[in-house]
């Protein structure tokens, strides 16, 4: 029986393939070749997931941009439909006219 991680394709007890163990390169002394290999593997994994990550980022950015434009557009639409200030201005004109009529009237 081979030791775990020694290259044996199947673990004799569990009949499962061995998997990589996490190591902390700051605690364990690794050779420069091992560190280089780790960097190569990390780079390969990063490049493998890059297109999927890029697509997600683009979709997320477009979604956020669409939401911002929708809020911006709705704000302009609702402000253009708002007649509140116009009504206040009309009431103020009417009040001024009544005040002038009272002041000039007997």
N, C-alpha and C. Protein backbone atom coordinates (compact mmCIF):
# COMPACT_ATOMS: atom_id res chain seq x y z
N UNK A 1 0.84 -1.17 0.00
CA UNK A 1 0.00 0.00 0.00
C UNK A 1 0.89 1.24 0.00
N UNK A 2 0.58 2.16 -0.86
CA UNK A 2 1.40 3.38 -0.98
C UNK A 2 0.88 4.45 -0.03
N UNK A 3 1.76 5.36 0.30
CA UNK A 3 1.38 6.46 1.19
C UNK A 3 0.46 7.41 0.44
N UNK A 4 -0.45 8.08 1.19
CA UNK A 4 -1.36 9.02 0.51
C UNK A 4 -0.57 10.12 -0.19
N UNK A 5 -0.99 10.44 -1.39
CA UNK A 5 -0.35 11.49 -2.15
C UNK A 5 0.96 11.07 -2.79
N UNK A 6 1.28 9.77 -2.80
CA UNK A 6 2.56 9.34 -3.35
C UNK A 6 2.45 8.99 -4.83
N UNK A 7 1.34 9.31 -5.44
CA UNK A 7 1.22 9.04 -6.86
C UNK A 7 0.34 7.85 -7.15
N UNK A 8 -0.10 7.12 -6.12
CA UNK A 8 -1.00 6.00 -6.31
C UNK A 8 -2.33 6.55 -6.81
N UNK A 9 -2.85 6.07 -7.95
CA UNK A 9 -4.06 6.67 -8.51
C UNK A 9 -5.30 6.49 -7.63
N UNK A 10 -5.36 5.42 -6.86
CA UNK A 10 -6.51 5.22 -6.00
C UNK A 10 -6.05 4.91 -4.59
N UNK A 11 -6.75 5.46 -3.62
CA UNK A 11 -6.46 5.15 -2.22
C UNK A 11 -7.02 3.75 -1.97
N UNK A 12 -6.22 2.87 -1.39
CA UNK A 12 -6.61 1.47 -1.24
C UNK A 12 -7.82 1.31 -0.32
N UNK A 13 -7.93 2.14 0.72
CA UNK A 13 -9.02 2.00 1.68
C UNK A 13 -10.34 2.51 1.10
N UNK A 14 -10.33 3.71 0.60
CA UNK A 14 -11.57 4.36 0.18
C UNK A 14 -11.86 4.20 -1.30
N UNK A 15 -10.90 3.75 -2.05
CA UNK A 15 -11.01 3.64 -3.50
C UNK A 15 -11.40 4.98 -4.12
N UNK A 16 -10.85 6.06 -3.58
CA UNK A 16 -11.09 7.39 -4.12
C UNK A 16 -9.77 7.96 -4.59
N UNK A 17 -9.84 8.83 -5.57
CA UNK A 17 -8.63 9.47 -6.06
C UNK A 17 -8.12 10.46 -5.01
N UNK A 18 -6.82 10.56 -4.82
CA UNK A 18 -6.30 11.53 -3.85
C UNK A 18 -6.49 12.95 -4.37
N UNK A 19 -6.55 13.88 -3.46
CA UNK A 19 -6.72 15.28 -3.86
C UNK A 19 -5.65 16.12 -3.19
N UNK A 20 -5.46 17.29 -3.71
CA UNK A 20 -4.40 18.17 -3.23
C UNK A 20 -4.74 18.68 -1.83
N UNK A 21 -3.74 18.79 -1.01
CA UNK A 21 -3.92 19.34 0.33
C UNK A 21 -3.48 20.79 0.33
N UNK A 22 -4.17 21.59 1.12
CA UNK A 22 -3.77 22.99 1.25
C UNK A 22 -2.50 23.08 2.08
N UNK A 23 -1.59 23.90 1.63
CA UNK A 23 -0.38 24.14 2.40
C UNK A 23 -0.17 25.65 2.50
N UNK A 24 0.51 26.03 3.54
CA UNK A 24 0.84 27.44 3.75
C UNK A 24 2.31 27.62 3.40
N UNK A 25 2.61 28.28 2.28
CA UNK A 25 4.02 28.40 1.87
C UNK A 25 4.85 29.22 2.84
N UNK A 26 4.23 30.02 3.69
CA UNK A 26 5.01 30.79 4.65
C UNK A 26 5.48 29.92 5.81
N UNK A 27 4.72 28.89 6.12
CA UNK A 27 5.09 28.01 7.25
C UNK A 27 5.98 26.85 6.82
N UNK A 28 5.67 26.30 5.67
CA UNK A 28 6.42 25.14 5.19
C UNK A 28 7.53 25.61 4.26
N UNK A 29 8.69 25.03 4.42
CA UNK A 29 9.81 25.37 3.56
C UNK A 29 9.64 24.66 2.22
N UNK A 30 9.47 25.44 1.17
CA UNK A 30 9.31 24.88 -0.16
C UNK A 30 10.50 25.30 -1.02
N UNK A 31 10.81 24.43 -1.94
CA UNK A 31 11.93 24.74 -2.84
C UNK A 31 11.46 25.78 -3.86
N UNK A 32 12.39 26.50 -4.46
CA UNK A 32 12.00 27.46 -5.50
C UNK A 32 11.25 26.80 -6.66
N UNK A 33 11.59 25.56 -6.97
CA UNK A 33 10.89 24.85 -8.04
C UNK A 33 9.43 24.60 -7.65
N UNK A 34 9.20 24.23 -6.38
CA UNK A 34 7.83 24.01 -5.92
C UNK A 34 7.03 25.32 -5.94
N UNK A 35 7.65 26.41 -5.49
CA UNK A 35 6.98 27.71 -5.51
C UNK A 35 6.66 28.13 -6.94
N UNK A 36 7.58 27.89 -7.87
CA UNK A 36 7.35 28.23 -9.27
C UNK A 36 6.19 27.41 -9.84
N UNK A 37 6.17 26.13 -9.49
CA UNK A 37 5.08 25.26 -9.96
C UNK A 37 3.74 25.72 -9.40
N UNK A 38 3.73 26.12 -8.11
CA UNK A 38 2.49 26.61 -7.50
C UNK A 38 2.00 27.87 -8.23
N UNK A 39 2.91 28.77 -8.56
CA UNK A 39 2.53 29.98 -9.27
C UNK A 39 1.98 29.65 -10.66
N UNK A 40 2.60 28.68 -11.33
CA UNK A 40 2.12 28.28 -12.66
C UNK A 40 0.71 27.70 -12.57
N UNK A 41 0.45 26.88 -11.57
CA UNK A 41 -0.87 26.27 -11.41
C UNK A 41 -1.89 27.36 -11.08
N UNK A 42 -1.54 28.28 -10.19
CA UNK A 42 -2.46 29.37 -9.84
C UNK A 42 -2.78 30.22 -11.07
N UNK A 43 -1.76 30.52 -11.87
CA UNK A 43 -1.97 31.31 -13.08
C UNK A 43 -2.87 30.56 -14.05
N UNK A 44 -2.66 29.26 -14.20
CA UNK A 44 -3.50 28.47 -15.10
C UNK A 44 -4.95 28.45 -14.63
N UNK A 45 -5.16 28.31 -13.33
CA UNK A 45 -6.53 28.33 -12.79
C UNK A 45 -7.17 29.70 -12.99
N UNK A 46 -6.40 30.75 -12.78
CA UNK A 46 -6.92 32.11 -12.94
C UNK A 46 -7.31 32.36 -14.39
N UNK A 47 -6.44 31.92 -15.33
CA UNK A 47 -6.73 32.11 -16.75
C UNK A 47 -7.92 31.27 -17.20
N UNK A 48 -8.12 30.15 -16.56
CA UNK A 48 -9.24 29.27 -16.91
C UNK A 48 -10.57 29.92 -16.55
N UNK A 49 -10.62 30.62 -15.42
CA UNK A 49 -11.87 31.24 -14.98
C UNK A 49 -12.03 32.67 -15.48
N UNK A 50 -11.02 33.22 -16.13
CA UNK A 50 -11.06 34.62 -16.57
C UNK A 50 -12.22 34.93 -17.51
N UNK A 51 -12.48 34.16 -18.57
CA UNK A 51 -13.59 34.51 -19.47
C UNK A 51 -14.94 34.52 -18.76
N UNK A 52 -15.16 33.54 -17.89
CA UNK A 52 -16.44 33.48 -17.17
C UNK A 52 -16.57 34.68 -16.24
N UNK A 53 -15.49 35.02 -15.56
CA UNK A 53 -15.51 36.17 -14.65
C UNK A 53 -15.73 37.46 -15.43
N UNK A 54 -15.07 37.58 -16.58
CA UNK A 54 -15.21 38.77 -17.40
C UNK A 54 -16.66 38.92 -17.87
N UNK A 55 -17.27 37.81 -18.30
CA UNK A 55 -18.66 37.85 -18.75
C UNK A 55 -19.57 38.28 -17.61
N UNK A 56 -19.37 37.72 -16.44
CA UNK A 56 -20.19 38.11 -15.29
C UNK A 56 -20.02 39.58 -14.96
N UNK A 57 -18.77 40.07 -15.01
CA UNK A 57 -18.53 41.48 -14.71
C UNK A 57 -19.22 42.38 -15.73
N UNK A 58 -19.18 42.02 -16.99
CA UNK A 58 -19.83 42.82 -18.03
C UNK A 58 -21.34 42.83 -17.82
N UNK A 59 -21.92 41.68 -17.56
CA UNK A 59 -23.37 41.60 -17.34
C UNK A 59 -23.77 42.40 -16.10
N UNK A 60 -22.98 42.29 -15.04
CA UNK A 60 -23.27 43.05 -13.83
C UNK A 60 -23.17 44.55 -14.09
N UNK A 61 -22.12 44.97 -14.80
CA UNK A 61 -21.95 46.38 -15.12
C UNK A 61 -23.10 46.91 -15.97
N UNK A 62 -23.50 46.14 -16.97
CA UNK A 62 -24.62 46.57 -17.81
C UNK A 62 -25.92 46.64 -17.01
N UNK A 63 -26.12 45.68 -16.11
CA UNK A 63 -27.32 45.70 -15.28
C UNK A 63 -27.37 46.92 -14.37
N UNK A 64 -26.24 47.23 -13.73
CA UNK A 64 -26.18 48.40 -12.85
C UNK A 64 -26.36 49.68 -13.67
N UNK A 65 -25.73 49.74 -14.84
CA UNK A 65 -25.88 50.90 -15.71
C UNK A 65 -27.32 51.09 -16.16
N UNK A 66 -27.99 50.00 -16.51
CA UNK A 66 -29.39 50.09 -16.92
C UNK A 66 -30.27 50.56 -15.77
N UNK A 67 -29.99 50.09 -14.57
CA UNK A 67 -30.76 50.52 -13.41
C UNK A 67 -30.56 52.01 -13.15
N UNK A 68 -29.34 52.48 -13.25
CA UNK A 68 -29.05 53.91 -13.04
C UNK A 68 -29.76 54.75 -14.09
N UNK A 69 -29.69 54.34 -15.35
CA UNK A 69 -30.37 55.09 -16.41
C UNK A 69 -31.89 55.07 -16.23
N UNK A 70 -32.42 53.95 -15.76
CA UNK A 70 -33.87 53.88 -15.52
C UNK A 70 -34.29 54.84 -14.41
N UNK A 71 -33.52 54.87 -13.33
CA UNK A 71 -33.84 55.78 -12.23
C UNK A 71 -33.72 57.23 -12.71
N UNK A 72 -32.67 57.53 -13.45
CA UNK A 72 -32.43 58.87 -13.97
C UNK A 72 -33.59 59.29 -14.90
N UNK A 73 -33.96 58.40 -15.81
CA UNK A 73 -35.06 58.69 -16.73
C UNK A 73 -36.38 58.87 -16.01
N UNK A 74 -36.66 58.01 -15.05
CA UNK A 74 -37.90 58.12 -14.30
C UNK A 74 -37.95 59.44 -13.53
N UNK A 75 -36.82 59.85 -12.98
CA UNK A 75 -36.76 61.11 -12.24
C UNK A 75 -37.10 62.28 -13.17
N UNK A 76 -36.50 62.31 -14.35
CA UNK A 76 -36.80 63.37 -15.30
C UNK A 76 -38.26 63.33 -15.72
N UNK A 77 -38.79 62.14 -15.95
CA UNK A 77 -40.19 62.00 -16.35
C UNK A 77 -41.12 62.51 -15.25
N UNK A 78 -40.86 62.11 -14.02
CA UNK A 78 -41.76 62.51 -12.93
C UNK A 78 -41.66 64.00 -12.65
N UNK A 79 -40.47 64.59 -12.79
CA UNK A 79 -40.33 66.03 -12.57
C UNK A 79 -41.04 66.79 -13.69
N UNK A 80 -40.96 66.31 -14.91
CA UNK A 80 -41.63 67.00 -16.02
C UNK A 80 -43.15 66.91 -15.89
N UNK A 81 -43.65 65.87 -15.24
CA UNK A 81 -45.09 65.71 -15.05
C UNK A 81 -45.60 66.47 -13.83
N UNK A 82 -44.70 66.95 -13.04
CA UNK A 82 -45.09 67.58 -11.79
C UNK A 82 -45.64 68.97 -12.06
N UNK A 83 -46.84 69.20 -11.64
CA UNK A 83 -47.50 70.49 -11.81
C UNK A 83 -47.68 71.19 -10.48
N UNK A 84 -47.04 70.66 -9.47
CA UNK A 84 -47.21 71.18 -8.11
C UNK A 84 -46.78 72.65 -8.02
N UNK A 85 -45.60 72.95 -8.55
CA UNK A 85 -45.09 74.32 -8.47
C UNK A 85 -45.93 75.27 -9.33
N UNK A 86 -46.42 74.79 -10.46
CA UNK A 86 -47.27 75.62 -11.30
C UNK A 86 -48.55 75.98 -10.56
N UNK A 87 -49.14 75.00 -9.86
CA UNK A 87 -50.36 75.26 -9.10
C UNK A 87 -50.10 76.26 -7.98
N UNK A 88 -48.96 76.11 -7.31
CA UNK A 88 -48.62 77.06 -6.24
C UNK A 88 -48.45 78.48 -6.80
N UNK A 89 -47.81 78.55 -7.97
CA UNK A 89 -47.61 79.86 -8.59
C UNK A 89 -48.95 80.49 -8.98
N UNK A 90 -49.87 79.70 -9.51
CA UNK A 90 -51.20 80.22 -9.87
C UNK A 90 -51.95 80.70 -8.63
N UNK A 91 -51.85 79.93 -7.54
CA UNK A 91 -52.51 80.34 -6.29
C UNK A 91 -51.89 81.62 -5.74
N UNK A 92 -50.56 81.75 -5.87
CA UNK A 92 -49.90 82.97 -5.40
C UNK A 92 -50.35 84.18 -6.22
N UNK A 93 -50.48 84.00 -7.53
CA UNK A 93 -50.96 85.10 -8.38
C UNK A 93 -52.38 85.49 -7.98
N UNK A 94 -53.23 84.51 -7.74
CA UNK A 94 -54.61 84.79 -7.35
C UNK A 94 -54.65 85.50 -6.00
N UNK A 95 -53.79 85.07 -5.06
CA UNK A 95 -53.75 85.72 -3.75
C UNK A 95 -53.27 87.16 -3.87
N UNK A 96 -52.28 87.40 -4.74
CA UNK A 96 -51.80 88.77 -4.95
C UNK A 96 -52.90 89.64 -5.56
N UNK A 97 -53.62 89.05 -6.51
CA UNK A 97 -54.71 89.81 -7.15
C UNK A 97 -55.79 90.15 -6.12
N UNK A 98 -56.13 89.19 -5.24
CA UNK A 98 -57.13 89.46 -4.18
C UNK A 98 -56.63 90.52 -3.22
N UNK A 99 -55.33 90.44 -2.86
CA UNK A 99 -54.77 91.42 -1.96
C UNK A 99 -54.76 92.81 -2.60
N UNK A 100 -54.45 92.89 -3.88
CA UNK A 100 -54.48 94.17 -4.59
C UNK A 100 -55.91 94.70 -4.66
N UNK A 101 -56.87 93.81 -4.91
CA UNK A 101 -58.27 94.23 -5.01
C UNK A 101 -58.74 94.75 -3.66
N UNK A 102 -58.35 94.10 -2.57
CA UNK A 102 -58.75 94.57 -1.23
C UNK A 102 -58.08 95.93 -0.91
N UNK A 103 -56.80 96.01 -1.28
CA UNK A 103 -56.07 97.23 -0.96
C UNK A 103 -56.59 98.42 -1.76
N UNK A 104 -56.96 98.19 -3.01
CA UNK A 104 -57.42 99.29 -3.83
C UNK A 104 -58.93 99.51 -3.69
N UNK A 105 -59.62 98.51 -3.21
CA UNK A 105 -61.08 98.63 -3.07
C UNK A 105 -61.48 99.41 -1.83
N UNK A 106 -62.77 99.86 -1.79
CA UNK A 106 -63.22 100.70 -0.68
C UNK A 106 -63.34 99.98 0.61
